């Protein structure tokens, strides 16, 4: 999909192979998502537009935000905390 498609705005061009699991962080005003196949975890700060990306040690299939900091992630090996 083109970032210039009518009615759609690209917030970050991370060249994901399979970008999935968008999660909105209401407390920090951030959009999180993963690239399942690279693998990668991305966070975009909405007010500033700043993008941060991390390379986890294995493919992440799903994740959730933790109450304090970090994520809980699901992979083939099970669940883990990711800080």
Protein backbone atom coordinates (compact mmCIF):
# COMPACT_ATOMS: atom_id res chain seq x y z
CA UNK A 1 0.00 0.00 0.00
CA UNK A 2 1.32 3.40 -0.88
CA UNK A 3 1.91 5.89 1.90
CA UNK A 4 0.17 8.44 -0.32
CA UNK A 5 -3.08 6.49 -0.80
CA UNK A 6 -6.13 8.72 -0.56
CA UNK A 7 -7.44 8.91 3.01
CA UNK A 8 -4.48 6.97 4.46
CA UNK A 9 -1.46 8.54 6.12
CA UNK A 10 1.75 6.60 6.66
CA UNK A 11 2.99 7.34 10.18
CA UNK A 12 6.34 5.53 9.82
CA UNK A 13 8.01 3.79 6.92
CA UNK A 14 9.86 0.92 8.61
CA UNK A 15 9.97 -1.35 5.53
CA UNK A 16 8.35 -4.16 7.51
CA UNK A 17 8.08 -7.60 5.94
CA UNK A 18 4.99 -8.48 8.01
CA UNK A 19 3.98 -5.59 10.27
CA UNK A 20 1.28 -6.62 12.74
CA UNK A 21 -0.25 -6.15 16.18
CA UNK A 22 -0.67 -2.37 16.35
CA UNK A 23 -1.21 -1.33 19.99
CA UNK A 24 -2.00 2.20 21.12
CA UNK A 25 -0.34 3.18 24.41
CA UNK A 26 -2.86 5.64 25.89
CA UNK A 27 -0.62 6.62 28.82
CA UNK A 28 2.42 7.60 26.73
CA UNK A 29 0.72 8.51 23.44
CA UNK A 30 2.69 5.95 21.46
CA UNK A 31 1.88 3.47 18.72
CA UNK A 32 3.59 0.07 19.04
CA UNK A 33 3.77 -2.72 16.46
CA UNK A 34 5.96 -5.66 15.47
CA UNK A 35 7.44 -7.01 12.28
CA UNK A 36 6.97 -10.73 12.78
CA UNK A 37 9.43 -11.82 10.09
CA UNK A 38 12.40 -9.42 10.46
CA UNK A 39 11.96 -9.55 13.57
CA UNK A 40 11.51 -6.06 14.98
CA UNK A 41 9.58 -4.13 17.62
CA UNK A 42 8.67 -0.53 16.77
CA UNK A 43 7.38 2.39 18.83
CA UNK A 44 6.35 5.74 17.40
CA UNK A 45 5.80 8.67 19.75
CA UNK A 46 2.76 10.40 18.27
CA UNK A 47 3.36 13.99 19.48
CA UNK A 48 7.01 14.15 18.30
CA UNK A 49 6.92 11.54 15.52
CA UNK A 50 10.08 9.96 16.98
CA UNK A 51 10.50 6.33 15.94
CA UNK A 52 12.40 3.72 17.97
CA UNK A 53 13.02 0.15 16.82
CA UNK A 54 14.52 -2.88 18.54
CA UNK A 55 15.63 -6.27 17.26
CA UNK A 56 14.46 -9.03 19.61
CA UNK A 57 16.44 -12.29 19.81
CA UNK A 58 13.63 -14.22 18.10
CA UNK A 59 10.42 -13.65 16.15
CA UNK A 60 7.67 -12.00 18.20
CA UNK A 61 4.15 -13.12 17.29
CA UNK A 62 2.19 -10.96 19.72
CA UNK A 63 2.79 -8.62 22.63
CA UNK A 64 1.10 -6.53 25.29
CA UNK A 65 2.09 -3.45 27.25
CA UNK A 66 3.08 -3.98 30.88
CA UNK A 67 1.74 -1.73 33.63
CA UNK A 68 5.13 -0.32 34.65
CA UNK A 69 7.59 -0.54 31.75
CA UNK A 70 8.41 -2.95 28.97
CA UNK A 71 6.35 -5.53 27.14
CA UNK A 72 5.14 -9.06 27.56
CA UNK A 73 5.85 -10.92 24.32
CA UNK A 74 4.73 -14.22 22.83
CA UNK A 75 7.02 -16.30 20.63
CA UNK A 76 7.43 -19.96 19.68
CA UNK A 77 9.36 -20.51 22.91
CA UNK A 78 6.55 -19.09 25.06
CA UNK A 79 5.94 -15.85 26.93
CA UNK A 80 8.65 -13.48 28.16
CA UNK A 81 9.15 -9.97 29.50
CA UNK A 82 10.96 -7.60 27.12
CA UNK A 83 12.53 -4.44 28.56
